[in-house]
Amino acid sequence: MQFPVACPEIPVDDLTASIAYYNSRLGFTLDWSDPDLGLAGISRGDTRLFLADAGYRSALGNRGPILLWFNLASRDEVDALHAQWLETGATIMSPPAAQPWKLYEFLAQDIDGNLLRIFYDFGWEERG
């Protein structure tokens, strides 16, 4: 069995506003939305996310903000995404930088305070 790609549920306050932010600022595509349910599916490449408002989340009681990790394939990809998100006006919390824990990363934030850690793991370069 190959374990599937995870599809995290992102807590949001305003489903419509969050869909717009993830689309216009972060480059995600809206796959479907059900405002009455309080849930939307978005994607970018192989990544699928669910945006869930308070009404949808009330059954489980899960709340945000949360932290999402996105593992890119190179430093160049991290830099390119950072530049793209800067250009679209996304909220960037820190610029790309090599960290002591062997990640080249930057942090971004959505309108609900959820954090997106964009990183490349360069530890293997030093080991091999």
N, C-alpha and C. Protein backbone atom coordinates (compact mmCIF):
# COMPACT_ATOMS: atom_id res chain seq x y z
N MET A 1 0.85 -1.18 0.00
CA MET A 1 0.00 0.00 0.00
C MET A 1 0.89 1.23 0.00
N GLN A 2 0.58 2.17 -0.86
CA GLN A 2 1.24 3.47 -0.85
C GLN A 2 0.34 4.43 -0.10
N PHE A 3 0.90 5.07 0.92
CA PHE A 3 0.11 6.01 1.71
C PHE A 3 -0.23 7.22 0.86
N PRO A 4 -1.48 7.70 0.91
CA PRO A 4 -1.87 8.82 0.05
C PRO A 4 -1.37 10.17 0.55
N VAL A 5 -1.40 11.15 -0.33
CA VAL A 5 -1.07 12.52 0.03
C VAL A 5 -2.13 13.02 1.01
N ALA A 6 -1.71 13.69 2.07
CA ALA A 6 -2.66 14.23 3.05
C ALA A 6 -3.43 15.41 2.46
N CYS A 7 -4.65 15.58 2.92
CA CYS A 7 -5.50 16.72 2.52
C CYS A 7 -5.93 17.44 3.80
N PRO A 8 -5.11 18.36 4.28
CA PRO A 8 -5.43 19.02 5.55
C PRO A 8 -6.66 19.92 5.47
N GLU A 9 -7.29 20.05 6.61
CA GLU A 9 -8.44 20.95 6.76
C GLU A 9 -7.96 22.23 7.42
N ILE A 10 -8.17 23.35 6.73
CA ILE A 10 -7.69 24.64 7.19
C ILE A 10 -8.86 25.40 7.82
N PRO A 11 -8.76 25.77 9.09
CA PRO A 11 -9.83 26.53 9.72
C PRO A 11 -9.86 27.97 9.21
N VAL A 12 -11.03 28.42 8.79
CA VAL A 12 -11.19 29.79 8.28
C VAL A 12 -12.42 30.43 8.91
N ASP A 13 -12.41 31.74 8.98
CA ASP A 13 -13.56 32.47 9.51
C ASP A 13 -14.59 32.77 8.43
N ASP A 14 -14.11 33.22 7.28
CA ASP A 14 -15.00 33.61 6.18
C ASP A 14 -14.59 32.79 4.96
N LEU A 15 -15.41 31.80 4.60
CA LEU A 15 -15.08 30.87 3.53
C LEU A 15 -14.84 31.61 2.21
N THR A 16 -15.70 32.53 1.86
CA THR A 16 -15.58 33.26 0.59
C THR A 16 -14.29 34.07 0.54
N ALA A 17 -13.98 34.78 1.62
CA ALA A 17 -12.75 35.59 1.67
C ALA A 17 -11.50 34.70 1.62
N SER A 18 -11.55 33.56 2.29
CA SER A 18 -10.39 32.66 2.29
C SER A 18 -10.18 32.03 0.92
N ILE A 19 -11.26 31.65 0.25
CA ILE A 19 -11.14 31.12 -1.11
C ILE A 19 -10.47 32.16 -2.00
N ALA A 20 -10.90 33.40 -1.89
CA ALA A 20 -10.33 34.47 -2.71
C ALA A 20 -8.84 34.66 -2.41
N TYR A 21 -8.45 34.62 -1.13
CA TYR A 21 -7.04 34.80 -0.76
C TYR A 21 -6.18 33.66 -1.30
N TYR A 22 -6.63 32.43 -1.08
CA TYR A 22 -5.84 31.28 -1.54
C TYR A 22 -5.74 31.27 -3.06
N ASN A 23 -6.75 31.78 -3.74
CA ASN A 23 -6.71 31.84 -5.20
C ASN A 23 -5.84 32.99 -5.69
N SER A 24 -6.15 34.20 -5.28
CA SER A 24 -5.48 35.38 -5.85
C SER A 24 -4.08 35.61 -5.29
N ARG A 25 -3.84 35.26 -4.04
CA ARG A 25 -2.54 35.52 -3.43
C ARG A 25 -1.61 34.30 -3.45
N LEU A 26 -2.16 33.11 -3.26
CA LEU A 26 -1.33 31.91 -3.13
C LEU A 26 -1.39 30.98 -4.34
N GLY A 27 -2.23 31.28 -5.32
CA GLY A 27 -2.24 30.53 -6.56
C GLY A 27 -2.96 29.20 -6.55
N PHE A 28 -3.84 28.99 -5.57
CA PHE A 28 -4.62 27.75 -5.53
C PHE A 28 -5.86 27.88 -6.41
N THR A 29 -6.32 26.76 -6.94
CA THR A 29 -7.52 26.69 -7.76
C THR A 29 -8.69 26.22 -6.91
N LEU A 30 -9.82 26.85 -7.05
CA LEU A 30 -11.03 26.39 -6.38
C LEU A 30 -11.57 25.20 -7.16
N ASP A 31 -11.63 24.04 -6.50
CA ASP A 31 -12.16 22.83 -7.13
C ASP A 31 -13.66 22.72 -6.92
N TRP A 32 -14.12 23.09 -5.73
CA TRP A 32 -15.55 23.07 -5.41
C TRP A 32 -15.77 23.83 -4.11
N SER A 33 -16.99 24.25 -3.91
CA SER A 33 -17.33 24.97 -2.70
C SER A 33 -18.80 24.73 -2.37
N ASP A 34 -19.09 24.55 -1.09
CA ASP A 34 -20.46 24.43 -0.61
C ASP A 34 -20.63 25.38 0.57
N PRO A 35 -21.05 26.62 0.31
CA PRO A 35 -21.18 27.60 1.39
C PRO A 35 -22.16 27.18 2.48
N ASP A 36 -23.21 26.45 2.12
CA ASP A 36 -24.16 25.98 3.13
C ASP A 36 -23.50 24.98 4.08
N LEU A 37 -22.63 24.15 3.53
CA LEU A 37 -21.90 23.18 4.35
C LEU A 37 -20.76 23.87 5.10
N GLY A 38 -20.20 24.92 4.50
CA GLY A 38 -19.07 25.63 5.11
C GLY A 38 -17.74 25.02 4.76
N LEU A 39 -17.65 24.42 3.57
CA LEU A 39 -16.44 23.68 3.18
C LEU A 39 -16.14 23.93 1.71
N ALA A 40 -14.86 24.03 1.40
CA ALA A 40 -14.42 24.19 0.02
C ALA A 40 -13.16 23.36 -0.19
N GLY A 41 -12.98 22.87 -1.41
CA GLY A 41 -11.77 22.15 -1.78
C GLY A 41 -10.96 22.98 -2.75
N ILE A 42 -9.67 23.14 -2.47
CA ILE A 42 -8.78 23.90 -3.33
C ILE A 42 -7.57 23.03 -3.63
N SER A 43 -6.85 23.36 -4.71
CA SER A 43 -5.67 22.57 -5.05
C SER A 43 -4.64 23.43 -5.78
N ARG A 44 -3.42 22.95 -5.71
CA ARG A 44 -2.31 23.52 -6.48
C ARG A 44 -1.33 22.39 -6.68
N GLY A 45 -1.12 21.99 -7.93
CA GLY A 45 -0.27 20.84 -8.20
C GLY A 45 -0.87 19.61 -7.54
N ASP A 46 -0.05 18.86 -6.82
CA ASP A 46 -0.52 17.65 -6.14
C ASP A 46 -1.10 17.93 -4.76
N THR A 47 -1.11 19.19 -4.34
CA THR A 47 -1.60 19.55 -3.01
C THR A 47 -3.08 19.87 -3.06
N ARG A 48 -3.83 19.21 -2.19
CA ARG A 48 -5.25 19.49 -2.01
C ARG A 48 -5.47 19.92 -0.57
N LEU A 49 -6.27 20.98 -0.40
CA LEU A 49 -6.60 21.49 0.93
C LEU A 49 -8.11 21.66 1.02
N PHE A 50 -8.61 21.56 2.23
CA PHE A 50 -10.01 21.87 2.50
C PHE A 50 -10.06 23.11 3.38
N LEU A 51 -10.85 24.09 2.99
CA LEU A 51 -11.09 25.27 3.80
C LEU A 51 -12.41 25.05 4.51
N ALA A 52 -12.41 25.14 5.84
CA ALA A 52 -13.60 24.82 6.63
C ALA A 52 -13.93 25.95 7.59
N ASP A 53 -15.18 26.43 7.52
CA ASP A 53 -15.59 27.51 8.42
C ASP A 53 -16.00 26.95 9.78
N ALA A 54 -16.31 27.84 10.71
CA ALA A 54 -16.62 27.44 12.09
C ALA A 54 -17.84 26.53 12.17
N GLY A 55 -18.83 26.77 11.32
CA GLY A 55 -20.01 25.91 11.32
C GLY A 55 -19.67 24.48 10.97
N TYR A 56 -18.85 24.30 9.95
CA TYR A 56 -18.45 22.95 9.54
C TYR A 56 -17.60 22.29 10.63
N ARG A 57 -16.72 23.06 11.25
CA ARG A 57 -15.80 22.51 12.24
C ARG A 57 -16.44 22.28 13.61
N SER A 58 -17.64 22.78 13.83
CA SER A 58 -18.25 22.71 15.16
C SER A 58 -18.46 21.28 15.65
N ALA A 59 -18.68 20.35 14.75
CA ALA A 59 -18.91 18.96 15.16
C ALA A 59 -17.69 18.35 15.86
N LEU A 60 -16.50 18.69 15.38
CA LEU A 60 -15.28 18.15 15.98
C LEU A 60 -14.62 19.13 16.95
N GLY A 61 -14.96 20.40 16.83
CA GLY A 61 -14.39 21.40 17.72
C GLY A 61 -12.97 21.80 17.39
N ASN A 62 -12.48 21.45 16.21
CA ASN A 62 -11.11 21.82 15.86
C ASN A 62 -11.04 23.30 15.49
N ARG A 63 -9.96 23.93 15.94
CA ARG A 63 -9.78 25.37 15.76
C ARG A 63 -8.39 25.67 15.24
N GLY A 64 -8.20 26.87 14.80
CA GLY A 64 -6.91 27.31 14.31
C GLY A 64 -6.35 28.39 15.21
N PRO A 65 -5.28 28.99 14.83
CA PRO A 65 -4.59 28.74 13.57
C PRO A 65 -3.74 27.47 13.61
N ILE A 66 -3.39 27.01 12.41
CA ILE A 66 -2.55 25.82 12.27
C ILE A 66 -1.31 26.18 11.45
N LEU A 67 -0.38 25.25 11.40
CA LEU A 67 0.83 25.40 10.61
C LEU A 67 0.88 24.29 9.57
N LEU A 68 1.04 24.67 8.31
CA LEU A 68 1.18 23.71 7.21
C LEU A 68 2.61 23.75 6.70
N TRP A 69 3.17 22.58 6.40
CA TRP A 69 4.52 22.49 5.86
C TRP A 69 4.43 22.06 4.39
N PHE A 70 5.13 22.77 3.51
CA PHE A 70 5.17 22.44 2.09
C PHE A 70 6.63 22.21 1.70
N ASN A 71 6.95 20.97 1.34
CA ASN A 71 8.32 20.55 1.04
C ASN A 71 8.58 20.66 -0.46
N LEU A 72 9.33 21.69 -0.86
CA LEU A 72 9.64 21.88 -2.27
C LEU A 72 10.94 21.15 -2.63
N ALA A 73 11.23 21.07 -3.93
CA ALA A 73 12.31 20.23 -4.42
C ALA A 73 13.68 20.91 -4.46
N SER A 74 13.74 22.23 -4.26
CA SER A 74 15.03 22.92 -4.33
C SER A 74 14.94 24.31 -3.70
N ARG A 75 16.11 24.88 -3.45
CA ARG A 75 16.17 26.27 -2.98
C ARG A 75 15.58 27.21 -4.03
N ASP A 76 15.87 26.90 -5.31
CA ASP A 76 15.34 27.74 -6.39
C ASP A 76 13.82 27.77 -6.38
N GLU A 77 13.18 26.63 -6.11
CA GLU A 77 11.72 26.59 -6.04
C GLU A 77 11.21 27.42 -4.86
N VAL A 78 11.89 27.34 -3.73
CA VAL A 78 11.51 28.15 -2.57
C VAL A 78 11.61 29.63 -2.92
N ASP A 79 12.72 30.01 -3.53
CA ASP A 79 12.91 31.42 -3.92
C ASP A 79 11.85 31.86 -4.94
N ALA A 80 11.55 31.01 -5.90
CA ALA A 80 10.57 31.36 -6.94
C ALA A 80 9.18 31.55 -6.34
N LEU A 81 8.79 30.65 -5.42
CA LEU A 81 7.48 30.78 -4.80
C LEU A 81 7.42 32.03 -3.92
N HIS A 82 8.50 32.29 -3.21
CA HIS A 82 8.57 33.49 -2.39
C HIS A 82 8.38 34.74 -3.26
N ALA A 83 9.08 34.80 -4.38
CA ALA A 83 8.96 35.95 -5.29
C ALA A 83 7.54 36.06 -5.85
N GLN A 84 6.96 34.93 -6.21
CA GLN A 84 5.59 34.93 -6.73
C GLN A 84 4.61 35.46 -5.69
N TRP A 85 4.72 34.97 -4.46
CA TRP A 85 3.80 35.39 -3.41
C TRP A 85 4.02 36.85 -3.03
N LEU A 86 5.26 37.32 -3.05
CA LEU A 86 5.51 38.75 -2.82
C LEU A 86 4.80 39.59 -3.87
N GLU A 87 4.89 39.14 -5.11
CA GLU A 87 4.29 39.88 -6.22
C GLU A 87 2.76 39.94 -6.12
N THR A 88 2.13 38.88 -5.60
CA THR A 88 0.68 38.87 -5.49
C THR A 88 0.17 39.54 -4.23
N GLY A 89 1.07 39.93 -3.34
CA GLY A 89 0.66 40.60 -2.12
C GLY A 89 0.33 39.66 -0.97
N ALA A 90 0.79 38.42 -1.05
CA ALA A 90 0.59 37.49 0.07
C ALA A 90 1.34 38.01 1.30
N THR A 91 0.85 37.64 2.47
CA THR A 91 1.51 38.05 3.70
C THR A 91 2.70 37.13 3.97
N ILE A 92 3.90 37.69 3.88
CA ILE A 92 5.13 36.95 4.11
C ILE A 92 5.65 37.31 5.49
N MET A 93 5.87 36.30 6.31
CA MET A 93 6.30 36.52 7.69
C MET A 93 7.82 36.57 7.83
N SER A 94 8.53 35.87 6.94
CA SER A 94 9.99 35.88 6.98
C SER A 94 10.50 35.54 5.59
N PRO A 95 11.65 36.08 5.21
CA PRO A 95 12.21 35.79 3.89
C PRO A 95 12.89 34.43 3.87
N PRO A 96 13.16 33.89 2.68
CA PRO A 96 13.88 32.62 2.61
C PRO A 96 15.25 32.73 3.26
N ALA A 97 15.57 31.71 4.06
CA ALA A 97 16.86 31.67 4.73
C ALA A 97 17.19 30.24 5.12
N ALA A 98 18.49 29.93 5.12
CA ALA A 98 18.95 28.63 5.59
C ALA A 98 18.92 28.63 7.11
N GLN A 99 18.31 27.61 7.68
CA GLN A 99 18.17 27.51 9.13
C GLN A 99 19.13 26.47 9.70
N PRO A 100 19.48 26.57 10.98
CA PRO A 100 20.39 25.60 11.60
C PRO A 100 19.83 24.18 11.57
N TRP A 101 18.52 24.03 11.45
CA TRP A 101 17.90 22.70 11.41
C TRP A 101 17.88 22.13 9.99
N LYS A 102 18.69 22.70 9.09
CA LYS A 102 18.93 22.19 7.73
C LYS A 102 17.73 22.35 6.80
N LEU A 103 16.95 23.38 7.02
CA LEU A 103 15.87 23.71 6.10
C LEU A 103 16.13 25.12 5.54
N TYR A 104 15.92 25.25 4.25
CA TYR A 104 15.90 26.56 3.61
C TYR A 104 14.43 26.91 3.50
N GLU A 105 13.99 27.96 4.17
CA GLU A 105 12.55 28.15 4.32
C GLU A 105 12.15 29.61 4.43
N PHE A 106 10.84 29.82 4.21
CA PHE A 106 10.21 31.09 4.54
C PHE A 106 8.82 30.79 5.09
N LEU A 107 8.27 31.76 5.80
CA LEU A 107 6.93 31.62 6.37
C LEU A 107 5.99 32.64 5.74
N ALA A 108 4.78 32.17 5.45
CA ALA A 108 3.72 33.04 4.97
C ALA A 108 2.51 32.82 5.89
N GLN A 109 1.53 33.71 5.78
CA GLN A 109 0.36 33.62 6.63
C GLN A 109 -0.89 33.93 5.80
N ASP A 110 -1.97 33.18 6.07
CA ASP A 110 -3.22 33.49 5.40
C ASP A 110 -4.02 34.50 6.23
N ILE A 111 -5.21 34.85 5.78
CA ILE A 111 -5.98 35.90 6.45
C ILE A 111 -6.57 35.46 7.79
N ASP A 112 -6.48 34.18 8.10
CA ASP A 112 -7.00 33.66 9.37
C ASP A 112 -5.89 33.37 10.38
N GLY A 113 -4.65 33.73 10.03
CA GLY A 113 -3.54 33.49 10.94
C GLY A 113 -2.88 32.14 10.79
N ASN A 114 -3.37 31.31 9.88
CA ASN A 114 -2.72 30.02 9.61
C ASN A 114 -1.38 30.28 8.93
N LEU A 115 -0.36 29.53 9.34
CA LEU A 115 0.98 29.72 8.80
C LEU A 115 1.29 28.66 7.75
N LEU A 116 2.04 29.07 6.74
CA LEU A 116 2.49 28.17 5.69
C LEU A 116 4.01 28.21 5.68
N ARG A 117 4.63 27.10 6.05
CA ARG A 117 6.09 27.00 6.06
C ARG A 117 6.50 26.36 4.74
N ILE A 118 7.19 27.13 3.92
CA ILE A 118 7.65 26.66 2.62
C ILE A 118 9.12 26.34 2.78
N PHE A 119 9.51 25.09 2.49
CA PHE A 119 10.89 24.71 2.80
C PHE A 119 11.47 23.74 1.79
N TYR A 120 12.79 23.71 1.81
CA TYR A 120 13.58 22.70 1.11
C TYR A 120 14.53 22.12 2.14
N ASP A 121 14.58 20.80 2.26
CA ASP A 121 15.44 20.11 3.23
C ASP A 121 16.80 19.88 2.58
N PHE A 122 17.78 20.69 2.99
CA PHE A 122 19.11 20.55 2.39
C PHE A 122 20.05 19.69 3.23
N GLY A 123 19.57 19.09 4.28
CA GLY A 123 20.41 18.25 5.13
C GLY A 123 21.08 17.12 4.38
N TRP A 124 20.37 16.54 3.41
CA TRP A 124 20.94 15.43 2.64
C TRP A 124 22.16 15.87 1.85
N GLU A 125 22.22 17.14 1.44
CA GLU A 125 23.38 17.64 0.69
C GLU A 125 24.64 17.59 1.53
N GLU A 126 24.50 17.85 2.82
CA GLU A 126 25.65 17.85 3.71
C GLU A 126 26.04 16.45 4.16
N ARG A 127 25.08 15.53 4.14
CA ARG A 127 25.35 14.14 4.53
C ARG A 127 25.99 13.34 3.40
N GLY A 128 25.66 13.72 2.15
CA GLY A 128 26.04 12.85 1.05
C GLY A 128 27.09 13.37 0.19
